Amino acid sequence: NTVQEVTIQALASLAETRDLDTGNH
């Protein structure tokens, strides 16, 4: 579960770095 969560968070954060939204979105 931890690996899954870390993977999801990493992928989402990667997308966020190129978006107009902050990570709080």
PDBML (XML) file of the C-alpha atoms, coordinates in Angstrom:
<?xml version="1.0" encoding="UTF-8" ?>
<PDBx:datablock datablockName="MODEL"
   xmlns:PDBx="http://pdbml.pdb.org/schema/pdbx-v50.xsd"
   xmlns:xsi="http://www.w3.org/2001/XMLSchema-instance"
   xsi:schemaLocation="http://pdbml.pdb.org/schema/pdbx-v50.xsd pdbx-v50.xsd">
   <PDBx:atom_siteCategory>
      <PDBx:atom_site id="1">
         <PDBx:B_iso_or_equiv>0.00</PDBx:B_iso_or_equiv>
         <PDBx:Cartn_x>0.000</PDBx:Cartn_x>
         <PDBx:Cartn_y>0.000</PDBx:Cartn_y>
         <PDBx:Cartn_z>0.000</PDBx:Cartn_z>
         <PDBx:auth_asym_id>A</PDBx:auth_asym_id>
         <PDBx:auth_atom_id>CA</PDBx:auth_atom_id>
         <PDBx:auth_comp_id>ASN</PDBx:auth_comp_id>
         <PDBx:auth_seq_id>1</PDBx:auth_seq_id>
         <PDBx:group_PDB>ATOM</PDBx:group_PDB>
         <PDBx:label_alt_id xsi:nil="true" />
         <PDBx:label_asym_id>A</PDBx:label_asym_id>
         <PDBx:label_atom_id>CA</PDBx:label_atom_id>
         <PDBx:label_comp_id>ASN</PDBx:label_comp_id>
         <PDBx:label_entity_id>1</PDBx:label_entity_id>
         <PDBx:label_seq_id>1</PDBx:label_seq_id>
         <PDBx:occupancy>1.00</PDBx:occupancy>
         <PDBx:pdbx_PDB_model_num>1</PDBx:pdbx_PDB_model_num>
         <PDBx:type_symbol>C</PDBx:type_symbol>
      </PDBx:atom_site>
      <PDBx:atom_site id="2">
         <PDBx:B_iso_or_equiv>0.00</PDBx:B_iso_or_equiv>
         <PDBx:Cartn_x>2.831</PDBx:Cartn_x>
         <PDBx:Cartn_y>2.378</PDBx:Cartn_y>
         <PDBx:Cartn_z>0.820</PDBx:Cartn_z>
         <PDBx:auth_asym_id>A</PDBx:auth_asym_id>
         <PDBx:auth_atom_id>CA</PDBx:auth_atom_id>
         <PDBx:auth_comp_id>THR</PDBx:auth_comp_id>
         <PDBx:auth_seq_id>2</PDBx:auth_seq_id>
         <PDBx:group_PDB>ATOM</PDBx:group_PDB>
         <PDBx:label_alt_id xsi:nil="true" />
         <PDBx:label_asym_id>A</PDBx:label_asym_id>
         <PDBx:label_atom_id>CA</PDBx:label_atom_id>
         <PDBx:label_comp_id>THR</PDBx:label_comp_id>
         <PDBx:label_entity_id>1</PDBx:label_entity_id>
         <PDBx:label_seq_id>2</PDBx:label_seq_id>
         <PDBx:occupancy>1.00</PDBx:occupancy>
         <PDBx:pdbx_PDB_model_num>1</PDBx:pdbx_PDB_model_num>
         <PDBx:type_symbol>C</PDBx:type_symbol>
      </PDBx:atom_site>
      <PDBx:atom_site id="3">
         <PDBx:B_iso_or_equiv>0.00</PDBx:B_iso_or_equiv>
         <PDBx:Cartn_x>4.534</PDBx:Cartn_x>
         <PDBx:Cartn_y>1.683</PDBx:Cartn_y>
         <PDBx:Cartn_z>-2.506</PDBx:Cartn_z>
         <PDBx:auth_asym_id>A</PDBx:auth_asym_id>
         <PDBx:auth_atom_id>CA</PDBx:auth_atom_id>
         <PDBx:auth_comp_id>VAL</PDBx:auth_comp_id>
         <PDBx:auth_seq_id>3</PDBx:auth_seq_id>
         <PDBx:group_PDB>ATOM</PDBx:group_PDB>
         <PDBx:label_alt_id xsi:nil="true" />
         <PDBx:label_asym_id>A</PDBx:label_asym_id>
         <PDBx:label_atom_id>CA</PDBx:label_atom_id>
         <PDBx:label_comp_id>VAL</PDBx:label_comp_id>
         <PDBx:label_entity_id>1</PDBx:label_entity_id>
         <PDBx:label_seq_id>3</PDBx:label_seq_id>
         <PDBx:occupancy>1.00</PDBx:occupancy>
         <PDBx:pdbx_PDB_model_num>1</PDBx:pdbx_PDB_model_num>
         <PDBx:type_symbol>C</PDBx:type_symbol>
      </PDBx:atom_site>
      <PDBx:atom_site id="4">
         <PDBx:B_iso_or_equiv>0.00</PDBx:B_iso_or_equiv>
         <PDBx:Cartn_x>1.243</PDBx:Cartn_x>
         <PDBx:Cartn_y>2.311</PDBx:Cartn_y>
         <PDBx:Cartn_z>-4.297</PDBx:Cartn_z>
         <PDBx:auth_asym_id>A</PDBx:auth_asym_id>
         <PDBx:auth_atom_id>CA</PDBx:auth_atom_id>
         <PDBx:auth_comp_id>GLN</PDBx:auth_comp_id>
         <PDBx:auth_seq_id>4</PDBx:auth_seq_id>
         <PDBx:group_PDB>ATOM</PDBx:group_PDB>
         <PDBx:label_alt_id xsi:nil="true" />
         <PDBx:label_asym_id>A</PDBx:label_asym_id>
         <PDBx:label_atom_id>CA</PDBx:label_atom_id>
         <PDBx:label_comp_id>GLN</PDBx:label_comp_id>
         <PDBx:label_entity_id>1</PDBx:label_entity_id>
         <PDBx:label_seq_id>4</PDBx:label_seq_id>
         <PDBx:occupancy>1.00</PDBx:occupancy>
         <PDBx:pdbx_PDB_model_num>1</PDBx:pdbx_PDB_model_num>
         <PDBx:type_symbol>C</PDBx:type_symbol>
      </PDBx:atom_site>
      <PDBx:atom_site id="5">
         <PDBx:B_iso_or_equiv>0.00</PDBx:B_iso_or_equiv>
         <PDBx:Cartn_x>0.679</PDBx:Cartn_x>
         <PDBx:Cartn_y>5.578</PDBx:Cartn_y>
         <PDBx:Cartn_z>-2.466</PDBx:Cartn_z>
         <PDBx:auth_asym_id>A</PDBx:auth_asym_id>
         <PDBx:auth_atom_id>CA</PDBx:auth_atom_id>
         <PDBx:auth_comp_id>GLU</PDBx:auth_comp_id>
         <PDBx:auth_seq_id>5</PDBx:auth_seq_id>
         <PDBx:group_PDB>ATOM</PDBx:group_PDB>
         <PDBx:label_alt_id xsi:nil="true" />
         <PDBx:label_asym_id>A</PDBx:label_asym_id>
         <PDBx:label_atom_id>CA</PDBx:label_atom_id>
         <PDBx:label_comp_id>GLU</PDBx:label_comp_id>
         <PDBx:label_entity_id>1</PDBx:label_entity_id>
         <PDBx:label_seq_id>5</PDBx:label_seq_id>
         <PDBx:occupancy>1.00</PDBx:occupancy>
         <PDBx:pdbx_PDB_model_num>1</PDBx:pdbx_PDB_model_num>
         <PDBx:type_symbol>C</PDBx:type_symbol>
      </PDBx:atom_site>
      <PDBx:atom_site id="6">
         <PDBx:B_iso_or_equiv>0.00</PDBx:B_iso_or_equiv>
         <PDBx:Cartn_x>4.216</PDBx:Cartn_x>
         <PDBx:Cartn_y>6.769</PDBx:Cartn_y>
         <PDBx:Cartn_z>-3.065</PDBx:Cartn_z>
         <PDBx:auth_asym_id>A</PDBx:auth_asym_id>
         <PDBx:auth_atom_id>CA</PDBx:auth_atom_id>
         <PDBx:auth_comp_id>VAL</PDBx:auth_comp_id>
         <PDBx:auth_seq_id>6</PDBx:auth_seq_id>
         <PDBx:group_PDB>ATOM</PDBx:group_PDB>
         <PDBx:label_alt_id xsi:nil="true" />
         <PDBx:label_asym_id>A</PDBx:label_asym_id>
         <PDBx:label_atom_id>CA</PDBx:label_atom_id>
         <PDBx:label_comp_id>VAL</PDBx:label_comp_id>
         <PDBx:label_entity_id>1</PDBx:label_entity_id>
         <PDBx:label_seq_id>6</PDBx:label_seq_id>
         <PDBx:occupancy>1.00</PDBx:occupancy>
         <PDBx:pdbx_PDB_model_num>1</PDBx:pdbx_PDB_model_num>
         <PDBx:type_symbol>C</PDBx:type_symbol>
      </PDBx:atom_site>
      <PDBx:atom_site id="7">
         <PDBx:B_iso_or_equiv>0.00</PDBx:B_iso_or_equiv>
         <PDBx:Cartn_x>3.944</PDBx:Cartn_x>
         <PDBx:Cartn_y>5.857</PDBx:Cartn_y>
         <PDBx:Cartn_z>-6.757</PDBx:Cartn_z>
         <PDBx:auth_asym_id>A</PDBx:auth_asym_id>
         <PDBx:auth_atom_id>CA</PDBx:auth_atom_id>
         <PDBx:auth_comp_id>THR</PDBx:auth_comp_id>
         <PDBx:auth_seq_id>7</PDBx:auth_seq_id>
         <PDBx:group_PDB>ATOM</PDBx:group_PDB>
         <PDBx:label_alt_id xsi:nil="true" />
         <PDBx:label_asym_id>A</PDBx:label_asym_id>
         <PDBx:label_atom_id>CA</PDBx:label_atom_id>
         <PDBx:label_comp_id>THR</PDBx:label_comp_id>
         <PDBx:label_entity_id>1</PDBx:label_entity_id>
         <PDBx:label_seq_id>7</PDBx:label_seq_id>
         <PDBx:occupancy>1.00</PDBx:occupancy>
         <PDBx:pdbx_PDB_model_num>1</PDBx:pdbx_PDB_model_num>
         <PDBx:type_symbol>C</PDBx:type_symbol>
      </PDBx:atom_site>
      <PDBx:atom_site id="8">
         <PDBx:B_iso_or_equiv>0.00</PDBx:B_iso_or_equiv>
         <PDBx:Cartn_x>0.650</PDBx:Cartn_x>
         <PDBx:Cartn_y>7.687</PDBx:Cartn_y>
         <PDBx:Cartn_z>-7.149</PDBx:Cartn_z>
         <PDBx:auth_asym_id>A</PDBx:auth_asym_id>
         <PDBx:auth_atom_id>CA</PDBx:auth_atom_id>
         <PDBx:auth_comp_id>ILE</PDBx:auth_comp_id>
         <PDBx:auth_seq_id>8</PDBx:auth_seq_id>
         <PDBx:group_PDB>ATOM</PDBx:group_PDB>
         <PDBx:label_alt_id xsi:nil="true" />
         <PDBx:label_asym_id>A</PDBx:label_asym_id>
         <PDBx:label_atom_id>CA</PDBx:label_atom_id>
         <PDBx:label_comp_id>ILE</PDBx:label_comp_id>
         <PDBx:label_entity_id>1</PDBx:label_entity_id>
         <PDBx:label_seq_id>8</PDBx:label_seq_id>
         <PDBx:occupancy>1.00</PDBx:occupancy>
         <PDBx:pdbx_PDB_model_num>1</PDBx:pdbx_PDB_model_num>
         <PDBx:type_symbol>C</PDBx:type_symbol>
      </PDBx:atom_site>
      <PDBx:atom_site id="9">
         <PDBx:B_iso_or_equiv>0.00</PDBx:B_iso_or_equiv>
         <PDBx:Cartn_x>1.909</PDBx:Cartn_x>
         <PDBx:Cartn_y>10.720</PDBx:Cartn_y>
         <PDBx:Cartn_z>-5.271</PDBx:Cartn_z>
         <PDBx:auth_asym_id>A</PDBx:auth_asym_id>
         <PDBx:auth_atom_id>CA</PDBx:auth_atom_id>
         <PDBx:auth_comp_id>GLN</PDBx:auth_comp_id>
         <PDBx:auth_seq_id>9</PDBx:auth_seq_id>
         <PDBx:group_PDB>ATOM</PDBx:group_PDB>
         <PDBx:label_alt_id xsi:nil="true" />
         <PDBx:label_asym_id>A</PDBx:label_asym_id>
         <PDBx:label_atom_id>CA</PDBx:label_atom_id>
         <PDBx:label_comp_id>GLN</PDBx:label_comp_id>
         <PDBx:label_entity_id>1</PDBx:label_entity_id>
         <PDBx:label_seq_id>9</PDBx:label_seq_id>
         <PDBx:occupancy>1.00</PDBx:occupancy>
         <PDBx:pdbx_PDB_model_num>1</PDBx:pdbx_PDB_model_num>
         <PDBx:type_symbol>C</PDBx:type_symbol>
      </PDBx:atom_site>
      <PDBx:atom_site id="10">
         <PDBx:B_iso_or_equiv>0.00</PDBx:B_iso_or_equiv>
         <PDBx:Cartn_x>5.111</PDBx:Cartn_x>
         <PDBx:Cartn_y>10.826</PDBx:Cartn_y>
         <PDBx:Cartn_z>-7.303</PDBx:Cartn_z>
         <PDBx:auth_asym_id>A</PDBx:auth_asym_id>
         <PDBx:auth_atom_id>CA</PDBx:auth_atom_id>
         <PDBx:auth_comp_id>ALA</PDBx:auth_comp_id>
         <PDBx:auth_seq_id>10</PDBx:auth_seq_id>
         <PDBx:group_PDB>ATOM</PDBx:group_PDB>
         <PDBx:label_alt_id xsi:nil="true" />
         <PDBx:label_asym_id>A</PDBx:label_asym_id>
         <PDBx:label_atom_id>CA</PDBx:label_atom_id>
         <PDBx:label_comp_id>ALA</PDBx:label_comp_id>
         <PDBx:label_entity_id>1</PDBx:label_entity_id>
         <PDBx:label_seq_id>10</PDBx:label_seq_id>
         <PDBx:occupancy>1.00</PDBx:occupancy>
         <PDBx:pdbx_PDB_model_num>1</PDBx:pdbx_PDB_model_num>
         <PDBx:type_symbol>C</PDBx:type_symbol>
      </PDBx:atom_site>
      <PDBx:atom_site id="11">
         <PDBx:B_iso_or_equiv>0.00</PDBx:B_iso_or_equiv>
         <PDBx:Cartn_x>3.227</PDBx:Cartn_x>
         <PDBx:Cartn_y>10.633</PDBx:Cartn_y>
         <PDBx:Cartn_z>-10.597</PDBx:Cartn_z>
         <PDBx:auth_asym_id>A</PDBx:auth_asym_id>
         <PDBx:auth_atom_id>CA</PDBx:auth_atom_id>
         <PDBx:auth_comp_id>LEU</PDBx:auth_comp_id>
         <PDBx:auth_seq_id>11</PDBx:auth_seq_id>
         <PDBx:group_PDB>ATOM</PDBx:group_PDB>
         <PDBx:label_alt_id xsi:nil="true" />
         <PDBx:label_asym_id>A</PDBx:label_asym_id>
         <PDBx:label_atom_id>CA</PDBx:label_atom_id>
         <PDBx:label_comp_id>LEU</PDBx:label_comp_id>
         <PDBx:label_entity_id>1</PDBx:label_entity_id>
         <PDBx:label_seq_id>11</PDBx:label_seq_id>
         <PDBx:occupancy>1.00</PDBx:occupancy>
         <PDBx:pdbx_PDB_model_num>1</PDBx:pdbx_PDB_model_num>
         <PDBx:type_symbol>C</PDBx:type_symbol>
      </PDBx:atom_site>
      <PDBx:atom_site id="12">
         <PDBx:B_iso_or_equiv>0.00</PDBx:B_iso_or_equiv>
         <PDBx:Cartn_x>0.730</PDBx:Cartn_x>
         <PDBx:Cartn_y>13.277</PDBx:Cartn_y>
         <PDBx:Cartn_z>-9.500</PDBx:Cartn_z>
         <PDBx:auth_asym_id>A</PDBx:auth_asym_id>
         <PDBx:auth_atom_id>CA</PDBx:auth_atom_id>
         <PDBx:auth_comp_id>ALA</PDBx:auth_comp_id>
         <PDBx:auth_seq_id>12</PDBx:auth_seq_id>
         <PDBx:group_PDB>ATOM</PDBx:group_PDB>
         <PDBx:label_alt_id xsi:nil="true" />
         <PDBx:label_asym_id>A</PDBx:label_asym_id>
         <PDBx:label_atom_id>CA</PDBx:label_atom_id>
         <PDBx:label_comp_id>ALA</PDBx:label_comp_id>
         <PDBx:label_entity_id>1</PDBx:label_entity_id>
         <PDBx:label_seq_id>12</PDBx:label_seq_id>
         <PDBx:occupancy>1.00</PDBx:occupancy>
         <PDBx:pdbx_PDB_model_num>1</PDBx:pdbx_PDB_model_num>
         <PDBx:type_symbol>C</PDBx:type_symbol>
      </PDBx:atom_site>
      <PDBx:atom_site id="13">
         <PDBx:B_iso_or_equiv>0.00</PDBx:B_iso_or_equiv>
         <PDBx:Cartn_x>3.506</PDBx:Cartn_x>
         <PDBx:Cartn_y>15.568</PDBx:Cartn_y>
         <PDBx:Cartn_z>-8.281</PDBx:Cartn_z>
         <PDBx:auth_asym_id>A</PDBx:auth_asym_id>
         <PDBx:auth_atom_id>CA</PDBx:auth_atom_id>
         <PDBx:auth_comp_id>SER</PDBx:auth_comp_id>
         <PDBx:auth_seq_id>13</PDBx:auth_seq_id>
         <PDBx:group_PDB>ATOM</PDBx:group_PDB>
         <PDBx:label_alt_id xsi:nil="true" />
         <PDBx:label_asym_id>A</PDBx:label_asym_id>
         <PDBx:label_atom_id>CA</PDBx:label_atom_id>
         <PDBx:label_comp_id>SER</PDBx:label_comp_id>
         <PDBx:label_entity_id>1</PDBx:label_entity_id>
         <PDBx:label_seq_id>13</PDBx:label_seq_id>
         <PDBx:occupancy>1.00</PDBx:occupancy>
         <PDBx:pdbx_PDB_model_num>1</PDBx:pdbx_PDB_model_num>
         <PDBx:type_symbol>C</PDBx:type_symbol>
      </PDBx:atom_site>
      <PDBx:atom_site id="14">
         <PDBx:B_iso_or_equiv>0.00</PDBx:B_iso_or_equiv>
         <PDBx:Cartn_x>5.308</PDBx:Cartn_x>
         <PDBx:Cartn_y>15.137</PDBx:Cartn_y>
         <PDBx:Cartn_z>-11.589</PDBx:Cartn_z>
         <PDBx:auth_asym_id>A</PDBx:auth_asym_id>
         <PDBx:auth_atom_id>CA</PDBx:auth_atom_id>
         <PDBx:auth_comp_id>LEU</PDBx:auth_comp_id>
         <PDBx:auth_seq_id>14</PDBx:auth_seq_id>
         <PDBx:group_PDB>ATOM</PDBx:group_PDB>
         <PDBx:label_alt_id xsi:nil="true" />
         <PDBx:label_asym_id>A</PDBx:label_asym_id>
         <PDBx:label_atom_id>CA</PDBx:label_atom_id>
         <PDBx:label_comp_id>LEU</PDBx:label_comp_id>
         <PDBx:label_entity_id>1</PDBx:label_entity_id>
         <PDBx:label_seq_id>14</PDBx:label_seq_id>
         <PDBx:occupancy>1.00</PDBx:occupancy>
         <PDBx:pdbx_PDB_model_num>1</PDBx:pdbx_PDB_model_num>
         <PDBx:type_symbol>C</PDBx:type_symbol>
      </PDBx:atom_site>
      <PDBx:atom_site id="15">
         <PDBx:B_iso_or_equiv>0.00</PDBx:B_iso_or_equiv>
         <PDBx:Cartn_x>2.221</PDBx:Cartn_x>
         <PDBx:Cartn_y>16.314</PDBx:Cartn_y>
         <PDBx:Cartn_z>-13.451</PDBx:Cartn_z>
         <PDBx:auth_asym_id>A</PDBx:auth_asym_id>
         <PDBx:auth_atom_id>CA</PDBx:auth_atom_id>
         <PDBx:auth_comp_id>ALA</PDBx:auth_comp_id>
         <PDBx:auth_seq_id>15</PDBx:auth_seq_id>
         <PDBx:group_PDB>ATOM</PDBx:group_PDB>
         <PDBx:label_alt_id xsi:nil="true" />
         <PDBx:label_asym_id>A</PDBx:label_asym_id>
         <PDBx:label_atom_id>CA</PDBx:label_atom_id>
         <PDBx:label_comp_id>ALA</PDBx:label_comp_id>
         <PDBx:label_entity_id>1</PDBx:label_entity_id>
         <PDBx:label_seq_id>15</PDBx:label_seq_id>
         <PDBx:occupancy>1.00</PDBx:occupancy>
         <PDBx:pdbx_PDB_model_num>1</PDBx:pdbx_PDB_model_num>
         <PDBx:type_symbol>C</PDBx:type_symbol>
      </PDBx:atom_site>
      <PDBx:atom_site id="16">
         <PDBx:B_iso_or_equiv>0.00</PDBx:B_iso_or_equiv>
         <PDBx:Cartn_x>1.793</PDBx:Cartn_x>
         <PDBx:Cartn_y>19.199</PDBx:Cartn_y>
         <PDBx:Cartn_z>-11.009</PDBx:Cartn_z>
         <PDBx:auth_asym_id>A</PDBx:auth_asym_id>
         <PDBx:auth_atom_id>CA</PDBx:auth_atom_id>
         <PDBx:auth_comp_id>GLU</PDBx:auth_comp_id>
         <PDBx:auth_seq_id>16</PDBx:auth_seq_id>
         <PDBx:group_PDB>ATOM</PDBx:group_PDB>
         <PDBx:label_alt_id xsi:nil="true" />
         <PDBx:label_asym_id>A</PDBx:label_asym_id>
         <PDBx:label_atom_id>CA</PDBx:label_atom_id>
         <PDBx:label_comp_id>GLU</PDBx:label_comp_id>
         <PDBx:label_entity_id>1</PDBx:label_entity_id>
         <PDBx:label_seq_id>16</PDBx:label_seq_id>
         <PDBx:occupancy>1.00</PDBx:occupancy>
         <PDBx:pdbx_PDB_model_num>1</PDBx:pdbx_PDB_model_num>
         <PDBx:type_symbol>C</PDBx:type_symbol>
      </PDBx:atom_site>
      <PDBx:atom_site id="17">
         <PDBx:B_iso_or_equiv>0.00</PDBx:B_iso_or_equiv>
         <PDBx:Cartn_x>5.285</PDBx:Cartn_x>
         <PDBx:Cartn_y>20.544</PDBx:Cartn_y>
         <PDBx:Cartn_z>-11.716</PDBx:Cartn_z>
         <PDBx:auth_asym_id>A</PDBx:auth_asym_id>
         <PDBx:auth_atom_id>CA</PDBx:auth_atom_id>
         <PDBx:auth_comp_id>THR</PDBx:auth_comp_id>
         <PDBx:auth_seq_id>17</PDBx:auth_seq_id>
         <PDBx:group_PDB>ATOM</PDBx:group_PDB>
         <PDBx:label_alt_id xsi:nil="true" />
         <PDBx:label_asym_id>A</PDBx:label_asym_id>
         <PDBx:label_atom_id>CA</PDBx:label_atom_id>
         <PDBx:label_comp_id>THR</PDBx:label_comp_id>
         <PDBx:label_entity_id>1</PDBx:label_entity_id>
         <PDBx:label_seq_id>17</PDBx:label_seq_id>
         <PDBx:occupancy>1.00</PDBx:occupancy>
         <PDBx:pdbx_PDB_model_num>1</PDBx:pdbx_PDB_model_num>
         <PDBx:type_symbol>C</PDBx:type_symbol>
      </PDBx:atom_site>
      <PDBx:atom_site id="18">
         <PDBx:B_iso_or_equiv>0.00</PDBx:B_iso_or_equiv>
         <PDBx:Cartn_x>4.178</PDBx:Cartn_x>
         <PDBx:Cartn_y>21.429</PDBx:Cartn_y>
         <PDBx:Cartn_z>-15.257</PDBx:Cartn_z>
         <PDBx:auth_asym_id>A</PDBx:auth_asym_id>
         <PDBx:auth_atom_id>CA</PDBx:auth_atom_id>
         <PDBx:auth_comp_id>ARG</PDBx:auth_comp_id>
         <PDBx:auth_seq_id>18</PDBx:auth_seq_id>
         <PDBx:group_PDB>ATOM</PDBx:group_PDB>
         <PDBx:label_alt_id xsi:nil="true" />
         <PDBx:label_asym_id>A</PDBx:label_asym_id>
         <PDBx:label_atom_id>CA</PDBx:label_atom_id>
         <PDBx:label_comp_id>ARG</PDBx:label_comp_id>
         <PDBx:label_entity_id>1</PDBx:label_entity_id>
         <PDBx:label_seq_id>18</PDBx:label_seq_id>
         <PDBx:occupancy>1.00</PDBx:occupancy>
         <PDBx:pdbx_PDB_model_num>1</PDBx:pdbx_PDB_model_num>
         <PDBx:type_symbol>C</PDBx:type_symbol>
      </PDBx:atom_site>
      <PDBx:atom_site id="19">
         <PDBx:B_iso_or_equiv>0.00</PDBx:B_iso_or_equiv>
         <PDBx:Cartn_x>0.701</PDBx:Cartn_x>
         <PDBx:Cartn_y>22.688</PDBx:Cartn_y>
         <PDBx:Cartn_z>-14.418</PDBx:Cartn_z>
         <PDBx:auth_asym_id>A</PDBx:auth_asym_id>
         <PDBx:auth_atom_id>CA</PDBx:auth_atom_id>
         <PDBx:auth_comp_id>ASP</PDBx:auth_comp_id>
         <PDBx:auth_seq_id>19</PDBx:auth_seq_id>
         <PDBx:group_PDB>ATOM</PDBx:group_PDB>
         <PDBx:label_alt_id xsi:nil="true" />
         <PDBx:label_asym_id>A</PDBx:label_asym_id>
         <PDBx:label_atom_id>CA</PDBx:label_atom_id>
         <PDBx:label_comp_id>ASP</PDBx:label_comp_id>
         <PDBx:label_entity_id>1</PDBx:label_entity_id>
         <PDBx:label_seq_id>19</PDBx:label_seq_id>
         <PDBx:occupancy>1.00</PDBx:occupancy>
         <PDBx:pdbx_PDB_model_num>1</PDBx:pdbx_PDB_model_num>
         <PDBx:type_symbol>C</PDBx:type_symbol>
      </PDBx:atom_site>
      <PDBx:atom_site id="20">
         <PDBx:B_iso_or_equiv>0.00</PDBx:B_iso_or_equiv>
         <PDBx:Cartn_x>-0.678</PDBx:Cartn_x>
         <PDBx:Cartn_y>26.016</PDBx:Cartn_y>
         <PDBx:Cartn_z>-13.291</PDBx:Cartn_z>
         <PDBx:auth_asym_id>A</PDBx:auth_asym_id>
         <PDBx:auth_atom_id>CA</PDBx:auth_atom_id>
         <PDBx:auth_comp_id>LEU</PDBx:auth_comp_id>
         <PDBx:auth_seq_id>20</PDBx:auth_seq_id>
         <PDBx:group_PDB>ATOM</PDBx:group_PDB>
         <PDBx:label_alt_id xsi:nil="true" />
         <PDBx:label_asym_id>A</PDBx:label_asym_id>
         <PDBx:label_atom_id>CA</PDBx:label_atom_id>
         <PDBx:label_comp_id>LEU</PDBx:label_comp_id>
         <PDBx:label_entity_id>1</PDBx:label_entity_id>
         <PDBx:label_seq_id>20</PDBx:label_seq_id>
         <PDBx:occupancy>1.00</PDBx:occupancy>
         <PDBx:pdbx_PDB_model_num>1</PDBx:pdbx_PDB_model_num>
         <PDBx:type_symbol>C</PDBx:type_symbol>
      </PDBx:atom_site>
      <PDBx:atom_site id="21">
         <PDBx:B_iso_or_equiv>0.00</PDBx:B_iso_or_equiv>
         <PDBx:Cartn_x>-2.056</PDBx:Cartn_x>
         <PDBx:Cartn_y>24.415</PDBx:Cartn_y>
         <PDBx:Cartn_z>-10.119</PDBx:Cartn_z>
         <PDBx:auth_asym_id>A</PDBx:auth_asym_id>
         <PDBx:auth_atom_id>CA</PDBx:auth_atom_id>
         <PDBx:auth_comp_id>ASP</PDBx:auth_comp_id>
         <PDBx:auth_seq_id>21</PDBx:auth_seq_id>
         <PDBx:group_PDB>ATOM</PDBx:group_PDB>
         <PDBx:label_alt_id xsi:nil="true" />
         <PDBx:label_asym_id>A</PDBx:label_asym_id>
         <PDBx:label_atom_id>CA</PDBx:label_atom_id>
         <PDBx:label_comp_id>ASP</PDBx:label_comp_id>
         <PDBx:label_entity_id>1</PDBx:label_entity_id>
         <PDBx:label_seq_id>21</PDBx:label_seq_id>
         <PDBx:occupancy>1.00</PDBx:occupancy>
         <PDBx:pdbx_PDB_model_num>1</PDBx:pdbx_PDB_model_num>
         <PDBx:type_symbol>C</PDBx:type_symbol>
      </PDBx:atom_site>
      <PDBx:atom_site id="22">
         <PDBx:B_iso_or_equiv>0.00</PDBx:B_iso_or_equiv>
         <PDBx:Cartn_x>-0.076</PDBx:Cartn_x>
         <PDBx:Cartn_y>23.993</PDBx:Cartn_y>
         <PDBx:Cartn_z>-6.929</PDBx:Cartn_z>
         <PDBx:auth_asym_id>A</PDBx:auth_asym_id>
         <PDBx:auth_atom_id>CA</PDBx:auth_atom_id>
         <PDBx:auth_comp_id>THR</PDBx:auth_comp_id>
         <PDBx:auth_seq_id>22</PDBx:auth_seq_id>
         <PDBx:group_PDB>ATOM</PDBx:group_PDB>
         <PDBx:label_alt_id xsi:nil="true" />
         <PDBx:label_asym_id>A</PDBx:label_asym_id>
         <PDBx:label_atom_id>CA</PDBx:label_atom_id>
         <PDBx:label_comp_id>THR</PDBx:label_comp_id>
         <PDBx:label_entity_id>1</PDBx:label_entity_id>
         <PDBx:label_seq_id>22</PDBx:label_seq_id>
         <PDBx:occupancy>1.00</PDBx:occupancy>
         <PDBx:pdbx_PDB_model_num>1</PDBx:pdbx_PDB_model_num>
         <PDBx:type_symbol>C</PDBx:type_symbol>
      </PDBx:atom_site>
      <PDBx:atom_site id="23">
         <PDBx:B_iso_or_equiv>0.00</PDBx:B_iso_or_equiv>
         <PDBx:Cartn_x>0.227</PDBx:Cartn_x>
         <PDBx:Cartn_y>20.640</PDBx:Cartn_y>
         <PDBx:Cartn_z>-5.210</PDBx:Cartn_z>
         <PDBx:auth_asym_id>A</PDBx:auth_asym_id>
         <PDBx:auth_atom_id>CA</PDBx:auth_atom_id>
         <PDBx:auth_comp_id>GLY</PDBx:auth_comp_id>
         <PDBx:auth_seq_id>23</PDBx:auth_seq_id>
         <PDBx:group_PDB>ATOM</PDBx:group_PDB>
         <PDBx:label_alt_id xsi:nil="true" />
         <PDBx:label_asym_id>A</PDBx:label_asym_id>
         <PDBx:label_atom_id>CA</PDBx:label_atom_id>
         <PDBx:label_comp_id>GLY</PDBx:label_comp_id>
         <PDBx:label_entity_id>1</PDBx:label_entity_id>
         <PDBx:label_seq_id>23</PDBx:label_seq_id>
         <PDBx:occupancy>1.00</PDBx:occupancy>
         <PDBx:pdbx_PDB_model_num>1</PDBx:pdbx_PDB_model_num>
         <PDBx:type_symbol>C</PDBx:type_symbol>
      </PDBx:atom_site>
      <PDBx:atom_site id="24">
         <PDBx:B_iso_or_equiv>0.00</PDBx:B_iso_or_equiv>
         <PDBx:Cartn_x>-2.653</PDBx:Cartn_x>
         <PDBx:Cartn_y>21.612</PDBx:Cartn_y>
         <PDBx:Cartn_z>-2.951</PDBx:Cartn_z>
         <PDBx:auth_asym_id>A</PDBx:auth_asym_id>
         <PDBx:auth_atom_id>CA</PDBx:auth_atom_id>
         <PDBx:auth_comp_id>ASN</PDBx:auth_comp_id>
         <PDBx:auth_seq_id>24</PDBx:auth_seq_id>
         <PDBx:group_PDB>ATOM</PDBx:group_PDB>
         <PDBx:label_alt_id xsi:nil="true" />
         <PDBx:label_asym_id>A</PDBx:label_asym_id>
         <PDBx:label_atom_id>CA</PDBx:label_atom_id>
         <PDBx:label_comp_id>ASN</PDBx:label_comp_id>
         <PDBx:label_entity_id>1</PDBx:label_entity_id>
         <PDBx:label_seq_id>24</PDBx:label_seq_id>
         <PDBx:occupancy>1.00</PDBx:occupancy>
         <PDBx:pdbx_PDB_model_num>1</PDBx:pdbx_PDB_model_num>
         <PDBx:type_symbol>C</PDBx:type_symbol>
      </PDBx:atom_site>
      <PDBx:atom_site id="25">
         <PDBx:B_iso_or_equiv>0.00</PDBx:B_iso_or_equiv>
         <PDBx:Cartn_x>-5.082</PDBx:Cartn_x>
         <PDBx:Cartn_y>21.079</PDBx:Cartn_y>
         <PDBx:Cartn_z>-5.823</PDBx:Cartn_z>
         <PDBx:auth_asym_id>A</PDBx:auth_asym_id>
         <PDBx:auth_atom_id>CA</PDBx:auth_atom_id>
         <PDBx:auth_comp_id>HIS</PDBx:auth_comp_id>
         <PDBx:auth_seq_id>25</PDBx:auth_seq_id>
         <PDBx:group_PDB>ATOM</PDBx:group_PDB>
         <PDBx:label_alt_id xsi:nil="true" />
         <PDBx:label_asym_id>A</PDBx:label_asym_id>
         <PDBx:label_atom_id>CA</PDBx:label_atom_id>
         <PDBx:label_comp_id>HIS</PDBx:label_comp_id>
         <PDBx:label_entity_id>1</PDBx:label_entity_id>
         <PDBx:label_seq_id>25</PDBx:label_seq_id>
         <PDBx:occupancy>1.00</PDBx:occupancy>
         <PDBx:pdbx_PDB_model_num>1</PDBx:pdbx_PDB_model_num>
         <PDBx:type_symbol>C</PDBx:type_symbol>
      </PDBx:atom_site>
   </PDBx:atom_siteCategory>
</PDBx:datablock>
